[in-house]
PDB file of all heavy atoms in Angstrom:
ATOM      1  N   GLU A   1      93.255 105.522  94.285  1.00  0.00           N
ATOM      2  CA  GLU A   1      93.871 105.150  95.558  1.00  0.00           C
ATOM      3  C   GLU A   1      93.242 105.907  96.726  1.00  0.00           C
ATOM      4  O   GLU A   1      93.120 105.372  97.840  1.00  0.00           O
ATOM      5  CB  GLU A   1      95.391 105.371  95.528  1.00  0.00           C
ATOM      6  CG  GLU A   1      95.835 106.782  95.218  1.00  0.00           C
ATOM      7  CD  GLU A   1      96.046 107.023  93.729  1.00  0.00           C
ATOM      8  OE1 GLU A   1      95.087 106.841  92.951  1.00  0.00           O
ATOM      9  OE2 GLU A   1      97.155 107.419  93.351  1.00  0.00           O
ATOM     10  N   ASN A   2      92.794 107.117  96.466  1.00  0.00           N
ATOM     11  CA  ASN A   2      92.158 107.915  97.511  1.00  0.00           C
ATOM     12  C   ASN A   2      90.813 107.311  97.913  1.00  0.00           C
ATOM     13  O   ASN A   2      90.477 107.243  99.101  1.00  0.00           O
ATOM     14  CB  ASN A   2      91.972 109.355  97.023  1.00  0.00           C
ATOM     15  CG  ASN A   2      93.273 109.947  96.519  1.00  0.00           C
ATOM     16  OD1 ASN A   2      93.785 109.526  95.480  1.00  0.00           O
ATOM     17  ND2 ASN A   2      93.810 110.912  97.225  1.00  0.00           N
ATOM     18  N   VAL A   3      90.057 106.862  96.926  1.00  0.00           N
ATOM     19  CA  VAL A   3      88.797 106.181  97.227  1.00  0.00           C
ATOM     20  C   VAL A   3      89.082 104.901  98.023  1.00  0.00           C
ATOM     21  O   VAL A   3      88.376 104.575  98.983  1.00  0.00           O
ATOM     22  CB  VAL A   3      88.022 105.865  95.939  1.00  0.00           C
ATOM     23  CG1 VAL A   3      86.838 104.954  96.224  1.00  0.00           C
ATOM     24  CG2 VAL A   3      87.540 107.164  95.280  1.00  0.00           C
ATOM     25  N   GLY A   4      90.129 104.179  97.624  1.00  0.00           N
ATOM     26  CA  GLY A   4      90.498 102.984  98.368  1.00  0.00           C
ATOM     27  C   GLY A   4      90.801 103.281  99.820  1.00  0.00           C
ATOM     28  O   GLY A   4      90.435 102.507 100.720  1.00  0.00           O
ATOM     29  N   LEU A   5      91.426 104.417 100.074  1.00  0.00           N
ATOM     30  CA  LEU A   5      91.775 104.787 101.452  1.00  0.00           C
ATOM     31  C   LEU A   5      90.535 105.077 102.299  1.00  0.00           C
ATOM     32  O   LEU A   5      90.581 104.954 103.524  1.00  0.00           O
ATOM     33  CB  LEU A   5      92.690 106.005 101.454  1.00  0.00           C
ATOM     34  CG  LEU A   5      94.131 105.758 101.000  1.00  0.00           C
ATOM     35  CD1 LEU A   5      94.890 107.078 100.931  1.00  0.00           C
ATOM     36  CD2 LEU A   5      94.858 104.775 101.912  1.00  0.00           C
ATOM     37  N   THR A   6      89.421 105.452 101.655  1.00  0.00           N
ATOM     38  CA  THR A   6      88.209 105.732 102.441  1.00  0.00           C
ATOM     39  C   THR A   6      87.658 104.468 103.105  1.00  0.00           C
ATOM     40  O   THR A   6      86.837 104.558 104.011  1.00  0.00           O
ATOM     41  CB  THR A   6      87.095 106.364 101.583  1.00  0.00           C
ATOM     42  OG1 THR A   6      86.666 105.428 100.582  1.00  0.00           O
ATOM     43  CG2 THR A   6      87.566 107.649 100.934  1.00  0.00           C
ATOM     44  N   HIS A   7      88.105 103.303 102.658  1.00  0.00           N
ATOM     45  CA  HIS A   7      87.691 102.057 103.300  1.00  0.00           C
ATOM     46  C   HIS A   7      88.597 101.698 104.478  1.00  0.00           C
ATOM     47  O   HIS A   7      88.325 100.717 105.176  1.00  0.00           O
ATOM     48  CB  HIS A   7      87.687 100.916 102.282  1.00  0.00           C
ATOM     49  CG  HIS A   7      86.661 101.073 101.215  1.00  0.00           C
ATOM     50  ND1 HIS A   7      85.309 100.983 101.458  1.00  0.00           N
ATOM     51  CD2 HIS A   7      86.785 101.338  99.886  1.00  0.00           C
ATOM     52  CE1 HIS A   7      84.642 101.175 100.323  1.00  0.00           C
ATOM     53  NE2 HIS A   7      85.513 101.394  99.360  1.00  0.00           N
ATOM     54  N   ARG A   8      89.660 102.502 104.677  1.00  0.00           N
ATOM     55  CA  ARG A   8      90.606 102.186 105.745  1.00  0.00           C
ATOM     56  C   ARG A   8      90.799 103.344 106.714  1.00  0.00           C
ATOM     57  O   ARG A   8      91.399 103.173 107.776  1.00  0.00           O
ATOM     58  CB  ARG A   8      91.966 101.821 105.143  1.00  0.00           C
ATOM     59  CG  ARG A   8      91.917 100.745 104.086  1.00  0.00           C
ATOM     60  CD  ARG A   8      93.292 100.305 103.665  1.00  0.00           C
ATOM     61  NE  ARG A   8      93.875  99.428 104.677  1.00  0.00           N
ATOM     62  CZ  ARG A   8      94.321  98.197 104.446  1.00  0.00           C
ATOM     63  NH1 ARG A   8      94.248  97.698 103.232  1.00  0.00           N
ATOM     64  NH2 ARG A   8      94.829  97.473 105.417  1.00  0.00           N
ATOM     65  N   LEU A   9      90.321 104.515 106.341  1.00  0.00           N
ATOM     66  CA  LEU A   9      90.506 105.728 107.136  1.00  0.00           C
ATOM     67  C   LEU A   9      89.180 106.477 107.250  1.00  0.00           C
ATOM     68  O   LEU A   9      88.314 106.352 106.383  1.00  0.00           O
ATOM     69  CB  LEU A   9      91.527 106.661 106.476  1.00  0.00           C
ATOM     70  CG  LEU A   9      93.005 106.318 106.551  1.00  0.00           C
ATOM     71  CD1 LEU A   9      93.798 107.237 105.623  1.00  0.00           C
ATOM     72  CD2 LEU A   9      93.524 106.436 107.983  1.00  0.00           C
ATOM     73  N   PRO A  10      89.031 107.316 108.284  1.00  0.00           N
ATOM     74  CA  PRO A  10      87.878 108.221 108.318  1.00  0.00           C
ATOM     75  C   PRO A  10      87.902 109.152 107.102  1.00  0.00           C
ATOM     76  O   PRO A  10      88.980 109.547 106.630  1.00  0.00           O
ATOM     77  CB  PRO A  10      88.101 109.001 109.623  1.00  0.00           C
ATOM     78  CG  PRO A  10      88.994 108.151 110.454  1.00  0.00           C
ATOM     79  CD  PRO A  10      89.882 107.429 109.491  1.00  0.00           C
ATOM     80  N   LEU A  11      86.737 109.502 106.610  1.00  0.00           N
ATOM     81  CA  LEU A  11      86.646 110.330 105.404  1.00  0.00           C
ATOM     82  C   LEU A  11      87.412 111.633 105.568  1.00  0.00           C
ATOM     83  O   LEU A  11      88.110 112.074 104.646  1.00  0.00           O
ATOM     84  CB  LEU A  11      85.177 110.613 105.084  1.00  0.00           C
ATOM     85  CG  LEU A  11      84.927 111.492 103.852  1.00  0.00           C
ATOM     86  CD1 LEU A  11      85.513 110.859 102.597  1.00  0.00           C
ATOM     87  CD2 LEU A  11      83.428 111.741 103.686  1.00  0.00           C
ATOM     88  N   GLY A  12      87.305 112.283 106.731  1.00  0.00           N
ATOM     89  CA  GLY A  12      87.989 113.554 106.932  1.00  0.00           C
ATOM     90  C   GLY A  12      89.493 113.436 106.780  1.00  0.00           C
ATOM     91  O   GLY A  12      90.147 114.346 106.252  1.00  0.00           O
ATOM     92  N   SER A  13      90.065 112.310 107.216  1.00  0.00           N
ATOM     93  CA  SER A  13      91.504 112.108 107.096  1.00  0.00           C
ATOM     94  C   SER A  13      91.914 111.971 105.632  1.00  0.00           C
ATOM     95  O   SER A  13      92.953 112.501 105.214  1.00  0.00           O
ATOM     96  CB  SER A  13      91.925 110.859 107.877  1.00  0.00           C
ATOM     97  OG  SER A  13      91.650 111.008 109.251  1.00  0.00           O
ATOM     98  N   VAL A  14      91.091 111.271 104.845  1.00  0.00           N
ATOM     99  CA  VAL A  14      91.399 111.125 103.426  1.00  0.00           C
ATOM    100  C   VAL A  14      91.235 112.460 102.706  1.00  0.00           C
ATOM    101  O   VAL A  14      92.045 112.825 101.844  1.00  0.00           O
ATOM    102  CB  VAL A  14      90.495 110.058 102.782  1.00  0.00           C
ATOM    103  CG1 VAL A  14      90.831 109.895 101.301  1.00  0.00           C
ATOM    104  CG2 VAL A  14      90.654 108.722 103.500  1.00  0.00           C
ATOM    105  N   LEU A  15      90.212 113.213 103.070  1.00  0.00           N
ATOM    106  CA  LEU A  15      90.002 114.523 102.446  1.00  0.00           C
ATOM    107  C   LEU A  15      91.159 115.466 102.734  1.00  0.00           C
ATOM    108  O   LEU A  15      91.626 116.184 101.849  1.00  0.00           O
ATOM    109  CB  LEU A  15      88.681 115.125 102.929  1.00  0.00           C
ATOM    110  CG  LEU A  15      87.414 114.506 102.328  1.00  0.00           C
ATOM    111  CD1 LEU A  15      86.188 114.944 103.093  1.00  0.00           C
ATOM    112  CD2 LEU A  15      87.300 114.883 100.856  1.00  0.00           C
ATOM    113  N   ARG A  16      91.622 115.469 103.963  1.00  0.00           N
ATOM    114  CA  ARG A  16      92.740 116.361 104.286  1.00  0.00           C
ATOM    115  C   ARG A  16      93.976 115.974 103.485  1.00  0.00           C
ATOM    116  O   ARG A  16      94.661 116.833 102.927  1.00  0.00           O
ATOM    117  CB  ARG A  16      93.051 116.329 105.774  1.00  0.00           C
ATOM    118  CG  ARG A  16      94.145 117.347 106.134  1.00  0.00           C
ATOM    119  CD  ARG A  16      94.370 117.484 107.613  1.00  0.00           C
ATOM    120  NE  ARG A  16      95.386 118.507 107.866  1.00  0.00           N
ATOM    121  CZ  ARG A  16      95.922 118.719 109.053  1.00  0.00           C
ATOM    122  NH1 ARG A  16      95.543 118.012 110.107  1.00  0.00           N
ATOM    123  NH2 ARG A  16      96.845 119.655 109.214  1.00  0.00           N
ATOM    124  N   MET A  17      94.271 114.681 103.423  1.00  0.00           N
ATOM    125  CA  MET A  17      95.438 114.231 102.671  1.00  0.00           C
ATOM    126  C   MET A  17      95.296 114.567 101.190  1.00  0.00           C
ATOM    127  O   MET A  17      96.239 115.025 100.539  1.00  0.00           O
ATOM    128  CB  MET A  17      95.617 112.722 102.856  1.00  0.00           C
ATOM    129  CG  MET A  17      96.850 112.159 102.186  1.00  0.00           C
ATOM    130  SD  MET A  17      96.979 110.355 102.366  1.00  0.00           S
ATOM    131  CE  MET A  17      97.352 110.240 104.109  1.00  0.00           C
ATOM    132  N   THR A  18      94.084 114.371 100.653  1.00  0.00           N
ATOM    133  CA  THR A  18      93.862 114.565  99.221  1.00  0.00           C
ATOM    134  C   THR A  18      93.837 116.034  98.821  1.00  0.00           C
ATOM    135  O   THR A  18      94.511 116.459  97.872  1.00  0.00           O
ATOM    136  CB  THR A  18      92.530 113.903  98.808  1.00  0.00           C
ATOM    137  OG1 THR A  18      92.560 112.515  99.165  1.00  0.00           O
ATOM    138  CG2 THR A  18      92.298 114.032  97.318  1.00  0.00           C
ATOM    139  N   LEU A  19      93.062 116.831  99.539  1.00  0.00           N
ATOM    140  CA  LEU A  19      92.849 118.221  99.127  1.00  0.00           C
ATOM    141  C   LEU A  19      94.023 119.125  99.476  1.00  0.00           C
ATOM    142  O   LEU A  19      94.264 120.117  98.790  1.00  0.00           O
ATOM    143  CB  LEU A  19      91.563 118.758  99.754  1.00  0.00           C
ATOM    144  CG  LEU A  19      90.296 117.942  99.478  1.00  0.00           C
ATOM    145  CD1 LEU A  19      89.084 118.614 100.084  1.00  0.00           C
ATOM    146  CD2 LEU A  19      90.102 117.698  97.985  1.00  0.00           C
ATOM    147  N   TRP A  20      94.761 118.792 100.521  1.00  0.00           N
ATOM    148  CA  TRP A  20      95.883 119.647 100.947  1.00  0.00           C
ATOM    149  C   TRP A  20      97.196 119.287 100.252  1.00  0.00           C
ATOM    150  O   TRP A  20      98.176 119.979 100.389  1.00  0.00           O
ATOM    151  CB  TRP A  20      96.038 119.608 102.469  1.00  0.00           C
ATOM    152  CG  TRP A  20      95.269 120.688 103.149  1.00  0.00           C
ATOM    153  CD1 TRP A  20      95.794 121.786 103.774  1.00  0.00           C
ATOM    154  CD2 TRP A  20      93.857 120.814 103.265  1.00  0.00           C
ATOM    155  NE1 TRP A  20      94.780 122.577 104.269  1.00  0.00           N
ATOM    156  CE2 TRP A  20      93.571 122.001 103.965  1.00  0.00           C
ATOM    157  CE3 TRP A  20      92.776 120.035 102.846  1.00  0.00           C
ATOM    158  CZ2 TRP A  20      92.285 122.421 104.262  1.00  0.00           C
ATOM    159  CZ3 TRP A  20      91.487 120.448 103.127  1.00  0.00           C
ATOM    160  CH2 TRP A  20      91.253 121.624 103.826  1.00  0.00           C
ATOM    161  N   GLY A  21      97.228 118.185  99.534  1.00  0.00           N
ATOM    162  CA  GLY A  21      98.410 117.833  98.767  1.00  0.00           C
ATOM    163  C   GLY A  21      99.677 117.773  99.605  1.00  0.00           C
ATOM    164  O   GLY A  21      99.696 117.219 100.694  1.00  0.00           O
ATOM    165  N   ARG A  22     100.743 118.362  99.085  1.00  0.00           N
ATOM    166  CA  ARG A  22     102.049 118.265  99.755  1.00  0.00           C
ATOM    167  C   ARG A  22     102.099 119.016 101.081  1.00  0.00           C
ATOM    168  O   ARG A  22     103.074 118.888 101.831  1.00  0.00           O
ATOM    169  CB  ARG A  22     103.147 118.790  98.832  1.00  0.00           C
ATOM    170  CG  ARG A  22     103.083 120.291  98.558  1.00  0.00           C
ATOM    171  CD  ARG A  22     104.244 120.721  97.675  1.00  0.00           C
ATOM    172  NE  ARG A  22     104.190 122.144  97.359  1.00  0.00           N
ATOM    173  CZ  ARG A  22     104.669 123.113  98.137  1.00  0.00           C
ATOM    174  NH1 ARG A  22     105.227 122.822  99.306  1.00  0.00           N
ATOM    175  NH2 ARG A  22     104.588 124.383  97.766  1.00  0.00           N
ATOM    176  N   HIS A  23     101.061 119.788 101.389  1.00  0.00           N
ATOM    177  CA  HIS A  23     101.069 120.573 102.624  1.00  0.00           C
ATOM    178  C   HIS A  23     100.687 119.754 103.857  1.00  0.00           C
ATOM    179  O   HIS A  23     100.757 120.261 104.974  1.00  0.00           O
ATOM    180  CB  HIS A  23     100.115 121.766 102.493  1.00  0.00           C
ATOM    181  CG  HIS A  23     100.467 122.668 101.353  1.00  0.00           C
ATOM    182  ND1 HIS A  23     101.581 123.476 101.362  1.00  0.00           N
ATOM    183  CD2 HIS A  23      99.855 122.872 100.154  1.00  0.00           C
ATOM    184  CE1 HIS A  23     101.648 124.151 100.228  1.00  0.00           C
ATOM    185  NE2 HIS A  23     100.609 123.800  99.476  1.00  0.00           N
ATOM    186  N   TYR A  24     100.274 118.496 103.646  1.00  0.00           N
ATOM    187  CA  TYR A  24      99.925 117.663 104.801  1.00  0.00           C
ATOM    188  C   TYR A  24     100.583 116.298 104.684  1.00  0.00           C
ATOM    189  O   TYR A  24     100.468 115.622 103.657  1.00  0.00           O
ATOM    190  CB  TYR A  24      98.411 117.465 104.905  1.00  0.00           C
ATOM    191  CG  TYR A  24      98.028 116.495 106.007  1.00  0.00           C
ATOM    192  CD1 TYR A  24      98.208 116.827 107.350  1.00  0.00           C
ATOM    193  CD2 TYR A  24      97.526 115.231 105.702  1.00  0.00           C
ATOM    194  CE1 TYR A  24      97.884 115.935 108.358  1.00  0.00           C
ATOM    195  CE2 TYR A  24      97.192 114.338 106.712  1.00  0.00           C
ATOM    196  CZ  TYR A  24      97.380 114.694 108.038  1.00  0.00           C
ATOM    197  OH  TYR A  24      97.063 113.807 109.036  1.00  0.00           O
ATOM    198  N   ARG A  25     101.290 115.924 105.736  1.00  0.00           N
ATOM    199  CA  ARG A  25     101.902 114.594 105.810  1.00  0.00           C
ATOM    200  C   ARG A  25     101.362 113.876 107.039  1.00  0.00           C
ATOM    201  O   ARG A  25     101.387 114.425 108.140  1.00  0.00           O
ATOM    202  CB  ARG A  25     103.424 114.691 105.902  1.00  0.00           C
ATOM    203  CG  ARG A  25     104.086 115.279 104.666  1.00  0.00           C
ATOM    204  CD  ARG A  25     105.594 115.150 104.738  1.00  0.00           C
ATOM    205  NE  ARG A  25     106.235 115.638 103.533  1.00  0.00           N
ATOM    206  CZ  ARG A  25     107.441 115.268 103.117  1.00  0.00           C
ATOM    207  NH1 ARG A  25     108.139 114.392 103.842  1.00  0.00           N
ATOM    208  NH2 ARG A  25     107.958 115.757 102.012  1.00  0.00           N
ATOM    209  N   MET A  26     100.877 112.658 106.826  1.00  0.00           N
ATOM    210  CA  MET A  26     100.384 111.843 107.932  1.00  0.00           C
ATOM    211  C   MET A  26     101.534 110.992 108.454  1.00  0.00           C
ATOM    212  O   MET A  26     102.165 110.250 107.695  1.00  0.00           O
ATOM    213  CB  MET A  26      99.230 110.955 107.466  1.00  0.00           C
ATOM    214  CG  MET A  26      98.651 110.074 108.583  1.00  0.00           C
ATOM    215  SD  MET A  26      97.303 109.015 107.988  1.00  0.00           S
ATOM    216  CE  MET A  26      96.012 110.254 107.706  1.00  0.00           C
ATOM    217  N   SER A  27     101.822 111.105 109.714  1.00  0.00           N
ATOM    218  CA  SER A  27     102.902 110.321 110.300  1.00  0.00           C
ATOM    219  C   SER A  27     102.482 108.863 110.427  1.00  0.00           C
ATOM    220  O   SER A  27     101.288 108.531 110.449  1.00  0.00           O
ATOM    221  CB  SER A  27     103.265 110.867 111.674  1.00  0.00           C
ATOM    222  OG  SER A  27     102.215 110.637 112.600  1.00  0.00           O
ATOM    223  N   ALA A  28     103.468 107.986 110.541  1.00  0.00           N
ATOM    224  CA  ALA A  28     103.171 106.573 110.743  1.00  0.00           C
ATOM    225  C   ALA A  28     102.395 106.369 112.033  1.00  0.00           C
ATOM    226  O   ALA A  28     101.485 105.538 112.099  1.00  0.00           O
ATOM    227  CB  ALA A  28     104.464 105.760 110.753  1.00  0.00           C
ATOM    228  N   ALA A  29     102.752 107.151 113.057  1.00  0.00           N
ATOM    229  CA  ALA A  29     102.049 107.021 114.344  1.00  0.00           C
ATOM    230  C   ALA A  29     100.581 107.385 114.198  1.00  0.00           C
ATOM    231  O   ALA A  29      99.698 106.712 114.760  1.00  0.00           O
ATOM    232  CB  ALA A  29     102.723 107.897 115.394  1.00  0.00           C
ATOM    233  N   ARG A  30     100.290 108.468 113.454  1.00  0.00           N
ATOM    234  CA  ARG A  30      98.898 108.868 113.238  1.00  0.00           C
ATOM    235  C   ARG A  30      98.170 107.829 112.397  1.00  0.00           C
ATOM    236  O   ARG A  30      97.011 107.485 112.682  1.00  0.00           O
ATOM    237  CB  ARG A  30      98.848 110.238 112.546  1.00  0.00           C
ATOM    238  CG  ARG A  30      97.447 110.749 112.257  1.00  0.00           C
ATOM    239  CD  ARG A  30      96.617 110.912 113.508  1.00  0.00           C
ATOM    240  NE  ARG A  30      95.343 111.564 113.235  1.00  0.00           N
ATOM    241  CZ  ARG A  30      94.293 111.508 114.051  1.00  0.00           C
ATOM    242  NH1 ARG A  30      94.364 110.806 115.193  1.00  0.00           N
ATOM    243  NH2 ARG A  30      93.178 112.129 113.737  1.00  0.00           N
ATOM    244  N   ALA A  31      98.834 107.303 111.361  1.00  0.00           N
ATOM    245  CA  ALA A  31      98.226 106.280 110.518  1.00  0.00           C
ATOM    246  C   ALA A  31      97.916 105.029 111.334  1.00  0.00           C
ATOM    247  O   ALA A  31      96.885 104.375 111.124  1.00  0.00           O
ATOM    248  CB  ALA A  31      99.146 105.940 109.352  1.00  0.00           C
ATOM    249  N   HIS A  32      98.779 104.711 112.273  1.00  0.00           N
ATOM    250  CA  HIS A  32      98.541 103.557 113.146  1.00  0.00           C
ATOM    251  C   HIS A  32      97.365 103.837 114.080  1.00  0.00           C
ATOM    252  O   HIS A  32      96.512 102.961 114.312  1.00  0.00           O
ATOM    253  CB  HIS A  32      99.805 103.262 113.951  1.00  0.00           C
ATOM    254  CG  HIS A  32      99.690 102.075 114.844  1.00  0.00           C
ATOM    255  ND1 HIS A  32      99.712 102.171 116.216  1.00  0.00           N
ATOM    256  CD2 HIS A  32      99.518 100.760 114.572  1.00  0.00           C
ATOM    257  CE1 HIS A  32      99.586 100.969 116.749  1.00  0.00           C
ATOM    258  NE2 HIS A  32      99.463 100.092 115.770  1.00  0.00           N
ATOM    259  N   GLN A  33      97.309 105.044 114.599  1.00  0.00           N
ATOM    260  CA  GLN A  33      96.210 105.433 115.486  1.00  0.00           C
ATOM    261  C   GLN A  33      94.868 105.334 114.774  1.00  0.00           C
ATOM    262  O   GLN A  33      93.857 104.913 115.370  1.00  0.00           O
ATOM    263  CB  GLN A  33      96.445 106.859 115.980  1.00  0.00           C
ATOM    264  CG  GLN A  33      95.404 107.371 116.958  1.00  0.00           C
ATOM    265  CD  GLN A  33      95.660 108.827 117.333  1.00  0.00           C
ATOM    266  OE1 GLN A  33      95.944 109.666 116.478  1.00  0.00           O
ATOM    267  NE2 GLN A  33      95.596 109.112 118.621  1.00  0.00           N
ATOM    268  N   LEU A  34      94.832 105.669 113.483  1.00  0.00           N
ATOM    269  CA  LEU A  34      93.596 105.660 112.707  1.00  0.00           C
ATOM    270  C   LEU A  34      93.281 104.296 112.111  1.00  0.00           C
ATOM    271  O   LEU A  34      92.189 104.096 111.576  1.00  0.00           O
ATOM    272  CB  LEU A  34      93.682 106.697 111.579  1.00  0.00           C
ATOM    273  CG  LEU A  34      93.721 108.166 112.017  1.00  0.00           C
ATOM    274  CD1 LEU A  34      94.063 109.059 110.828  1.00  0.00           C
ATOM    275  CD2 LEU A  34      92.396 108.576 112.636  1.00  0.00           C
ATOM    276  N   GLY A  35      94.213 103.353 112.179  1.00  0.00           N
ATOM    277  CA  GLY A  35      93.963 102.007 111.684  1.00  0.00           C
ATOM    278  C   GLY A  35      94.454 101.726 110.283  1.00  0.00           C
ATOM    279  O   GLY A  35      94.282 100.618 109.776  1.00  0.00           O
ATOM    280  N   LEU A  36      95.077 102.710 109.625  1.00  0.00           N
ATOM    281  CA  LEU A  36      95.621 102.466 108.287  1.00  0.00           C
ATOM    282  C   LEU A  36      96.840 101.556 108.369  1.00  0.00           C
ATOM    283  O   LEU A  36      97.030 100.663 107.542  1.00  0.00           O
ATOM    284  CB  LEU A  36      95.992 103.787 107.614  1.00  0.00           C
ATOM    285  CG  LEU A  36      96.654 103.683 106.237  1.00  0.00           C
ATOM    286  CD1 LEU A  36      95.730 103.003 105.241  1.00  0.00           C
ATOM    287  CD2 LEU A  36      97.052 105.073 105.721  1.00  0.00           C
ATOM    288  N   VAL A  37      97.679 101.796 109.362  1.00  0.00           N
ATOM    289  CA  VAL A  37      98.854 100.954 109.611  1.00  0.00           C
ATOM    290  C   VAL A  37      98.519  99.988 110.735  1.00  0.00           C
ATOM    291  O   VAL A  37      98.015 100.396 111.785  1.00  0.00           O
ATOM    292  CB  VAL A  37     100.077 101.817 109.979  1.00  0.00           C
ATOM    293  CG1 VAL A  37     101.213 100.965 110.532  1.00  0.00           C
ATOM    294  CG2 VAL A  37     100.546 102.612 108.759  1.00  0.00           C
ATOM    295  N   ASP A  38      98.795  98.713 110.513  1.00  0.00           N
ATOM    296  CA  ASP A  38      98.451  97.696 111.501  1.00  0.00           C
ATOM    297  C   ASP A  38      99.503  97.562 112.593  1.00  0.00           C
ATOM    298  O   ASP A  38      99.170  97.215 113.732  1.00  0.00           O
ATOM    299  CB  ASP A  38      98.261  96.349 110.801  1.00  0.00           C
ATOM    300  CG  ASP A  38      97.083  96.382 109.848  1.00  0.00           C
ATOM    301  OD1 ASP A  38      95.939  96.422 110.320  1.00  0.00           O
ATOM    302  OD2 ASP A  38      97.314  96.396 108.628  1.00  0.00           O
ATOM    303  N   GLU A  39     100.762  97.818 112.240  1.00  0.00           N
ATOM    304  CA  GLU A  39     101.808  97.676 113.249  1.00  0.00           C
ATOM    305  C   GLU A  39     102.983  98.571 112.889  1.00  0.00           C
ATOM    306  O   GLU A  39     103.372  98.681 111.723  1.00  0.00           O
ATOM    307  CB  GLU A  39     102.268  96.219 113.347  1.00  0.00           C
ATOM    308  CG  GLU A  39     103.077  95.917 114.587  1.00  0.00           C
ATOM    309  CD  GLU A  39     103.107  94.442 114.924  1.00  0.00           C
ATOM    310  OE1 GLU A  39     102.264  93.686 114.400  1.00  0.00           O
ATOM    311  OE2 GLU A  39     103.981  94.044 115.717  1.00  0.00           O
TER     312      GLU A  39
END
């Protein structure tokens, strides 16, 4: 699923989410800003 996310997010965003585990949460607003969330 992480590899799949690299097609929808910048690599750095996926790396932060993956490597930092529970210590990083991406908000819906940030996901929308990056294009992962469409609306």
